Protein backbone atom coordinates (compact mmCIF):
# COMPACT_ATOMS: atom_id res chain seq x y z
CA MET A 1 -18.10 15.43 11.85
CA TRP A 2 -18.61 17.16 8.51
CA ALA A 3 -15.48 19.31 8.83
CA VAL A 4 -13.30 16.32 9.65
CA MET A 5 -14.91 14.33 6.86
CA MET A 6 -14.31 17.05 4.26
CA ALA A 7 -10.65 17.36 5.32
CA ALA A 8 -10.19 13.59 5.19
CA MET A 9 -11.82 13.27 1.81
CA MET A 10 -9.82 16.09 0.29
CA ALA A 11 -6.39 15.20 1.81
CA PRO A 12 -5.43 12.92 -1.16
CA ALA A 13 -6.37 15.68 -3.62
CA ALA A 14 -4.25 18.10 -1.63
CA ALA A 15 -1.16 15.93 -1.77
CA PRO A 16 0.12 16.92 -5.29
CA SER A 17 -0.08 20.68 -4.69
CA THR A 18 1.30 20.30 -1.14
CA LEU A 19 4.27 18.26 -2.38
CA LEU A 20 4.84 20.86 -5.18
CA HIS A 21 4.70 23.68 -2.66
CA ALA A 22 7.25 21.85 -0.43
CA LYS A 23 9.55 21.35 -3.41
CA MET A 24 9.30 25.01 -4.45
CA SER A 25 9.57 26.54 -1.02
CA LYS A 26 12.15 24.06 0.28
CA SER A 27 10.40 24.30 3.66
CA ALA A 28 8.63 21.51 5.47
CA LEU A 29 6.96 24.09 7.72
CA GLY A 30 5.78 26.04 4.67
CA ALA A 31 4.35 22.90 3.18
CA ALA A 32 2.55 22.11 6.46
CA ALA A 33 1.15 25.69 6.47
CA TYR A 34 0.02 25.25 2.86
CA ALA A 35 -1.72 21.97 3.74
CA ALA A 36 -3.26 23.58 6.79
CA GLY A 37 -4.68 26.40 4.68
CA TYR A 38 -6.05 23.99 2.10
CA LEU A 39 -7.59 21.58 4.60
CA GLY A 40 -8.78 24.51 6.79
CA ALA A 41 -10.80 25.82 3.83
CA TRP A 42 -12.38 22.42 3.44
CA CYS A 43 -13.11 22.31 7.16
CA ALA A 44 -14.93 25.61 6.76
CA ALA A 45 -16.92 24.08 3.93
CA GLY A 46 -17.62 21.16 6.25
CA VAL A 47 -19.05 23.53 8.78
CA ALA A 48 -21.43 24.88 6.08
CA TYR A 49 -22.51 21.29 5.32
CA ALA A 50 -23.07 20.71 9.03
CA LEU A 51 -25.35 23.73 9.19
CA VAL A 52 -27.37 22.42 6.26
CA HIS A 53 -27.42 18.98 7.90
CA TRP A 54 -28.74 20.44 11.18
CA ALA A 55 -31.39 22.44 9.30
CA LEU A 56 -32.54 19.36 7.41
CA GLN A 57 -32.55 17.29 10.59
CA GLY A 58 -34.53 20.00 12.43
CA ALA A 59 -37.08 20.06 9.66
CA GLY A 60 -37.43 16.28 9.82
CA LEU A 61 -36.11 15.79 6.30
CA LEU A 62 -33.37 13.29 7.17
CA ALA A 63 -33.95 9.55 7.45
CA PRO A 64 -31.81 7.09 9.42
CA GLY A 65 -28.32 6.93 8.01
CA MET A 66 -28.34 10.73 7.73
CA ARG A 67 -29.78 10.75 4.22
CA LEU A 68 -32.61 12.70 2.71
CA ALA A 69 -35.92 11.07 3.60
CA SER A 70 -37.61 12.07 0.31
CA GLY A 71 -36.67 10.24 -2.85
CA PRO A 72 -37.81 13.10 -5.09
CA ALA A 73 -35.77 15.59 -3.05
CA ALA A 74 -32.72 13.30 -3.25
CA GLY A 75 -33.35 12.95 -7.00
CA ALA A 76 -33.54 16.69 -7.48
CA LEU A 77 -30.27 17.06 -5.60
CA LEU A 78 -28.59 14.52 -7.83
CA ILE A 79 -29.95 16.17 -10.96
CA GLY A 80 -28.62 19.55 -9.80
CA THR A 81 -25.23 17.97 -9.01
CA GLY A 82 -25.15 16.30 -12.42
CA ALA A 83 -26.01 19.57 -14.16
CA TRP A 84 -23.21 21.30 -12.21
CA GLN A 85 -20.77 18.86 -13.76
CA TRP A 86 -21.56 20.41 -17.20
CA SER A 87 -21.32 24.04 -16.07
CA PRO A 88 -18.67 26.50 -17.27
CA VAL A 89 -17.99 27.53 -13.68
CA LYS A 90 -17.19 23.93 -12.71
CA ALA A 91 -14.93 23.73 -15.80
CA ARG A 92 -13.02 26.85 -14.79
CA CYS A 93 -12.59 25.72 -11.22
CA VAL A 94 -11.41 22.22 -12.11
CA ALA A 95 -8.98 23.66 -14.67
CA ARG A 96 -7.39 25.65 -11.87
CA CYS A 97 -7.26 22.60 -9.60
CA ARG A 98 -5.61 20.53 -12.31
CA SER A 99 -2.80 23.03 -12.60
CA PRO A 100 -1.10 23.50 -9.24
CA LEU A 101 2.12 24.63 -10.96
CA GLY A 102 0.22 27.44 -12.71
CA PHE A 103 -1.29 28.42 -9.41
CA MET A 104 2.09 28.41 -7.68
CA MET A 105 3.63 30.51 -10.44
CA ASN A 106 0.88 33.11 -10.40
CA GLU A 107 -0.13 33.23 -6.72
CA TRP A 108 3.16 32.64 -4.84
CA ARG A 109 3.46 34.21 -1.38
CA ASP A 110 6.54 33.98 0.80
CA GLY A 111 6.66 32.86 4.39
CA ILE A 112 4.44 30.75 6.58
CA GLY A 113 1.55 33.21 6.35
CA GLY A 114 1.88 33.26 2.57
CA ALA A 115 1.87 29.46 2.47
CA LEU A 116 -1.23 29.36 4.58
CA TRP A 117 -2.95 31.93 2.36
CA MET A 118 -1.86 30.02 -0.78
CA GLY A 119 -3.34 26.71 0.57
CA ALA A 120 -6.63 28.38 1.41
CA ARG A 121 -6.74 30.21 -1.95
CA TYR A 122 -6.03 27.03 -3.91
CA ALA A 123 -8.72 25.26 -1.93
CA THR A 124 -11.27 27.88 -3.02
CA TRP A 125 -10.93 26.59 -6.62
CA CYS A 126 -11.27 22.99 -5.33
CA VAL A 127 -14.26 23.81 -3.25
CA GLY A 128 -15.73 25.57 -6.31
CA CYS A 129 -15.50 22.44 -8.41
CA CYS A 130 -16.48 19.87 -5.73
CA TRP A 131 -18.95 21.59 -3.37
CA LEU A 132 -22.02 20.12 -5.06
CA VAL A 133 -20.49 16.68 -5.53
CA MET A 134 -20.08 16.53 -1.76
CA THR A 135 -23.83 16.92 -1.32
CA VAL A 136 -24.23 13.41 -2.74
CA LEU A 137 -23.54 12.37 0.88
CA PHE A 138 -26.99 13.75 1.71
CA VAL A 139 -28.39 11.19 -0.73
CA ALA A 140 -26.05 8.26 0.03
CA GLY A 141 -25.92 8.88 3.79
CA ALA A 142 -23.52 11.19 5.53
CA MET A 143 -21.90 8.33 7.42
CA SER A 144 -21.33 6.15 4.34
CA VAL A 145 -17.58 5.44 4.34
CA ALA A 146 -17.88 3.76 0.93
CA TRP A 147 -19.49 6.80 -0.67
CA ALA A 148 -17.07 9.15 1.02
CA ALA A 149 -14.18 7.08 -0.35
CA GLY A 150 -15.82 6.96 -3.77
CA ILE A 151 -16.19 10.72 -3.88
CA ALA A 152 -12.61 11.22 -2.70
CA ALA A 153 -11.41 8.88 -5.42
CA TYR A 154 -13.48 10.72 -8.04
CA VAL A 155 -11.99 14.06 -6.96
CA LEU A 156 -8.43 12.61 -7.09
CA LEU A 157 -8.97 11.09 -10.51
CA GLU A 158 -10.49 14.37 -11.77
CA ARG A 159 -7.35 16.23 -10.68
CA LEU A 160 -4.66 13.79 -11.70
CA LEU A 161 -5.73 11.99 -14.82
CA PRO A 162 -5.93 13.65 -18.24
CA LEU A 163 -9.57 12.65 -18.62
CA GLY A 164 -10.77 16.16 -19.42
CA ARG A 165 -14.33 17.42 -19.46
CA GLY A 166 -15.67 14.16 -20.81
CA PHE A 167 -15.09 12.49 -17.45
CA ASP A 168 -16.91 15.26 -15.54
CA ARG A 169 -19.79 15.15 -18.03
CA ALA A 170 -20.06 11.35 -17.91
CA VAL A 171 -20.28 11.58 -14.10
CA GLY A 172 -22.89 14.31 -14.56
CA VAL A 173 -24.98 12.14 -16.85
CA ALA A 174 -24.84 9.28 -14.36
CA LEU A 175 -25.90 11.56 -11.51
CA ILE A 176 -28.77 12.95 -13.59
CA ALA A 177 -29.92 9.41 -14.50
CA CYS A 178 -29.79 8.31 -10.81
CA GLY A 179 -31.68 11.47 -9.82
CA ALA A 180 -34.36 10.88 -12.41
CA TRP A 181 -34.72 7.29 -11.23
CA LEU A 182 -35.16 8.45 -7.60
CA ILE A 183 -37.82 10.99 -8.62
CA VAL A 184 -39.79 8.44 -10.63
CA PHE A 185 -39.40 5.31 -8.51
CA GLU A 186 -38.93 6.47 -4.89
């Protein structure tokens, strides 16, 4: 479930780089391999989330709706996610994700195998900037379609719009505020 969910959430964010790869390679098969590499990396991240999910479930830390049972734990996760939005590592990763052309120019590999590698490599930057944002699903509920769509929209806006670090930081402040509220009032 997590692997499919990650791939579905990140497919819109993959579209600009996949279309650019298709245009540069002039190969539909190459573009498909690029997309497969990108989404495959996110599926691998989804497997990691599934392992965390199973561990939390096994420890009795998940409530119905597949969300953290403890308000303070959920709050701490949101605070950590909000702090990540301000980190220099997040900034470097998102800068790479915002520049698929720069990536293509510097990391180009020929052939189907090269396209697959490029998609997976580009996805590592995207996983780097979004991995903690995806953990919000442990707070909102892993099966929340609305939250999954909201996170996917955030990721797409972060990539496509020239909103800069202010957008990431504003989201970080909102996450920290929600986390503090959960710690105090839940």
